[in-house]
Amino acid sequence: MRYSFQYLGPADEEILRYDNANDAHGVGRHHRHHRDKVEGIEFEGLRSHITKFLEEVETIHEQRTD
Protein backbone atom coordinates (compact mmCIF):
# COMPACT_ATOMS: atom_id res chain seq x y z
CA MET A 1 0.00 0.00 0.00
CA ARG A 2 1.27 3.44 -0.91
CA TYR A 3 -0.09 6.69 0.48
CA SER A 4 0.56 10.39 0.20
CA PHE A 5 -1.40 13.07 2.08
CA GLN A 6 -0.62 16.65 1.08
CA TYR A 7 -1.52 20.08 2.39
CA LEU A 8 -0.81 22.79 -0.17
CA GLY A 9 -0.83 26.58 0.11
CA PRO A 10 -2.64 29.01 -2.20
CA ALA A 11 0.14 28.96 -4.82
CA ASP A 12 0.37 25.13 -4.66
CA GLU A 13 3.42 25.33 -2.42
CA GLU A 14 3.80 22.19 -0.38
CA ILE A 15 3.31 22.92 3.30
CA LEU A 16 2.95 19.40 4.68
CA ARG A 17 3.07 15.88 3.25
CA TYR A 18 3.01 12.42 4.79
CA ASP A 19 4.03 9.60 2.49
CA ASN A 20 5.75 6.26 2.15
CA ALA A 21 6.83 6.53 -1.48
CA ASN A 22 10.44 5.55 -0.80
CA ASP A 23 13.31 6.13 1.61
CA ALA A 24 15.26 8.49 -0.64
CA HIS A 25 15.78 10.86 2.30
CA GLY A 26 17.33 8.24 4.59
CA VAL A 27 14.74 8.74 7.34
CA GLY A 28 12.67 5.59 6.86
CA ARG A 29 9.85 4.55 4.58
CA HIS A 30 7.14 6.43 6.52
CA HIS A 31 8.01 10.11 6.69
CA ARG A 32 6.68 13.64 6.74
CA HIS A 33 7.75 16.69 4.79
CA HIS A 34 7.17 20.04 6.50
CA ARG A 35 8.42 22.95 4.47
CA ASP A 36 11.98 21.92 3.58
CA LYS A 37 12.44 19.43 6.41
CA VAL A 38 11.94 15.64 6.12
CA GLU A 39 11.72 13.34 9.14
CA GLY A 40 10.75 9.75 9.79
CA ILE A 41 7.44 9.06 11.52
CA GLU A 42 6.00 6.01 13.24
CA PHE A 43 3.25 4.25 11.29
CA GLU A 44 0.61 2.84 13.66
CA GLY A 45 -2.10 2.20 11.09
CA LEU A 46 -3.81 4.18 8.36
CA ARG A 47 -6.64 5.59 10.49
CA SER A 48 -4.22 6.86 13.14
CA HIS A 49 -1.94 8.29 10.46
CA ILE A 50 -4.78 10.20 8.77
CA THR A 51 -5.95 11.55 12.12
CA LYS A 52 -2.46 12.83 12.99
CA PHE A 53 -2.10 14.41 9.55
CA LEU A 54 -5.47 16.20 9.78
CA GLU A 55 -4.71 17.45 13.29
CA GLU A 56 -1.40 18.84 12.09
CA VAL A 57 -3.06 20.49 9.07
CA GLU A 58 -5.58 22.16 11.38
CA THR A 59 -2.81 23.48 13.65
CA ILE A 60 -0.78 24.81 10.70
CA HIS A 61 -3.88 26.39 9.15
CA GLU A 62 -4.79 28.15 12.41
CA GLN A 63 -1.24 29.54 12.71
CA ARG A 64 -1.32 30.83 9.14
CA THR A 65 -4.63 32.64 9.61
CA ASP A 66 -3.80 34.33 12.94
C-alpha atoms as a PDB file:
ATOM      1  CA  MET A   1       0.000   0.000   0.000  1.00  0.00           C
ATOM      2  CA  ARG A   2       1.265   3.438  -0.911  1.00  0.00           C
ATOM      3  CA  TYR A   3      -0.092   6.686   0.479  1.00  0.00           C
ATOM      4  CA  SER A   4       0.564  10.394   0.201  1.00  0.00           C
ATOM      5  CA  PHE A   5      -1.399  13.071   2.082  1.00  0.00           C
ATOM      6  CA  GLN A   6      -0.624  16.655   1.079  1.00  0.00           C
ATOM      7  CA  TYR A   7      -1.520  20.081   2.386  1.00  0.00           C
ATOM      8  CA  LEU A   8      -0.810  22.786  -0.175  1.00  0.00           C
ATOM      9  CA  GLY A   9      -0.826  26.576   0.112  1.00  0.00           C
ATOM     10  CA  PRO A  10      -2.639  29.015  -2.200  1.00  0.00           C
ATOM     11  CA  ALA A  11       0.137  28.957  -4.820  1.00  0.00           C
ATOM     12  CA  ASP A  12       0.368  25.133  -4.662  1.00  0.00           C
ATOM     13  CA  GLU A  13       3.421  25.331  -2.420  1.00  0.00           C
ATOM     14  CA  GLU A  14       3.805  22.191  -0.380  1.00  0.00           C
ATOM     15  CA  ILE A  15       3.305  22.916   3.303  1.00  0.00           C
ATOM     16  CA  LEU A  16       2.946  19.402   4.684  1.00  0.00           C
ATOM     17  CA  ARG A  17       3.073  15.881   3.253  1.00  0.00           C
ATOM     18  CA  TYR A  18       3.005  12.424   4.790  1.00  0.00           C
ATOM     19  CA  ASP A  19       4.030   9.596   2.486  1.00  0.00           C
ATOM     20  CA  ASN A  20       5.754   6.257   2.147  1.00  0.00           C
ATOM     21  CA  ALA A  21       6.827   6.528  -1.478  1.00  0.00           C
ATOM     22  CA  ASN A  22      10.436   5.546  -0.803  1.00  0.00           C
ATOM     23  CA  ASP A  23      13.313   6.129   1.605  1.00  0.00           C
ATOM     24  CA  ALA A  24      15.264   8.495  -0.640  1.00  0.00           C
ATOM     25  CA  HIS A  25      15.782  10.859   2.298  1.00  0.00           C
ATOM     26  CA  GLY A  26      17.332   8.243   4.589  1.00  0.00           C
ATOM     27  CA  VAL A  27      14.743   8.736   7.338  1.00  0.00           C
ATOM     28  CA  GLY A  28      12.666   5.585   6.859  1.00  0.00           C
ATOM     29  CA  ARG A  29       9.855   4.552   4.581  1.00  0.00           C
ATOM     30  CA  HIS A  30       7.141   6.434   6.519  1.00  0.00           C
ATOM     31  CA  HIS A  31       8.011  10.107   6.691  1.00  0.00           C
ATOM     32  CA  ARG A  32       6.679  13.643   6.745  1.00  0.00           C
ATOM     33  CA  HIS A  33       7.749  16.694   4.793  1.00  0.00           C
ATOM     34  CA  HIS A  34       7.170  20.038   6.496  1.00  0.00           C
ATOM     35  CA  ARG A  35       8.419  22.945   4.468  1.00  0.00           C
ATOM     36  CA  ASP A  36      11.983  21.919   3.576  1.00  0.00           C
ATOM     37  CA  LYS A  37      12.445  19.425   6.415  1.00  0.00           C
ATOM     38  CA  VAL A  38      11.941  15.644   6.121  1.00  0.00           C
ATOM     39  CA  GLU A  39      11.720  13.343   9.141  1.00  0.00           C
ATOM     40  CA  GLY A  40      10.752   9.755   9.787  1.00  0.00           C
ATOM     41  CA  ILE A  41       7.443   9.061  11.522  1.00  0.00           C
ATOM     42  CA  GLU A  42       6.001   6.012  13.235  1.00  0.00           C
ATOM     43  CA  PHE A  43       3.255   4.246  11.290  1.00  0.00           C
ATOM     44  CA  GLU A  44       0.609   2.841  13.659  1.00  0.00           C
ATOM     45  CA  GLY A  45      -2.099   2.196  11.087  1.00  0.00           C
ATOM     46  CA  LEU A  46      -3.808   4.176   8.364  1.00  0.00           C
ATOM     47  CA  ARG A  47      -6.643   5.588  10.488  1.00  0.00           C
ATOM     48  CA  SER A  48      -4.216   6.857  13.138  1.00  0.00           C
ATOM     49  CA  HIS A  49      -1.942   8.294  10.461  1.00  0.00           C
ATOM     50  CA  ILE A  50      -4.777  10.198   8.771  1.00  0.00           C
ATOM     51  CA  THR A  51      -5.953  11.549  12.124  1.00  0.00           C
ATOM     52  CA  LYS A  52      -2.459  12.829  12.993  1.00  0.00           C
ATOM     53  CA  PHE A  53      -2.104  14.412   9.550  1.00  0.00           C
ATOM     54  CA  LEU A  54      -5.466  16.204   9.782  1.00  0.00           C
ATOM     55  CA  GLU A  55      -4.710  17.454  13.290  1.00  0.00           C
ATOM     56  CA  GLU A  56      -1.396  18.844  12.088  1.00  0.00           C
ATOM     57  CA  VAL A  57      -3.057  20.489   9.068  1.00  0.00           C
ATOM     58  CA  GLU A  58      -5.579  22.164  11.376  1.00  0.00           C
ATOM     59  CA  THR A  59      -2.805  23.480  13.646  1.00  0.00           C
ATOM     60  CA  ILE A  60      -0.779  24.812  10.699  1.00  0.00           C
ATOM     61  CA  HIS A  61      -3.876  26.392   9.149  1.00  0.00           C
ATOM     62  CA  GLU A  62      -4.787  28.154  12.407  1.00  0.00           C
ATOM     63  CA  GLN A  63      -1.240  29.536  12.711  1.00  0.00           C
ATOM     64  CA  ARG A  64      -1.321  30.834   9.137  1.00  0.00           C
ATOM     65  CA  THR A  65      -4.630  32.638   9.610  1.00  0.00           C
ATOM     66  CA  ASP A  66      -3.805  34.327  12.942  1.00  0.00           C
END
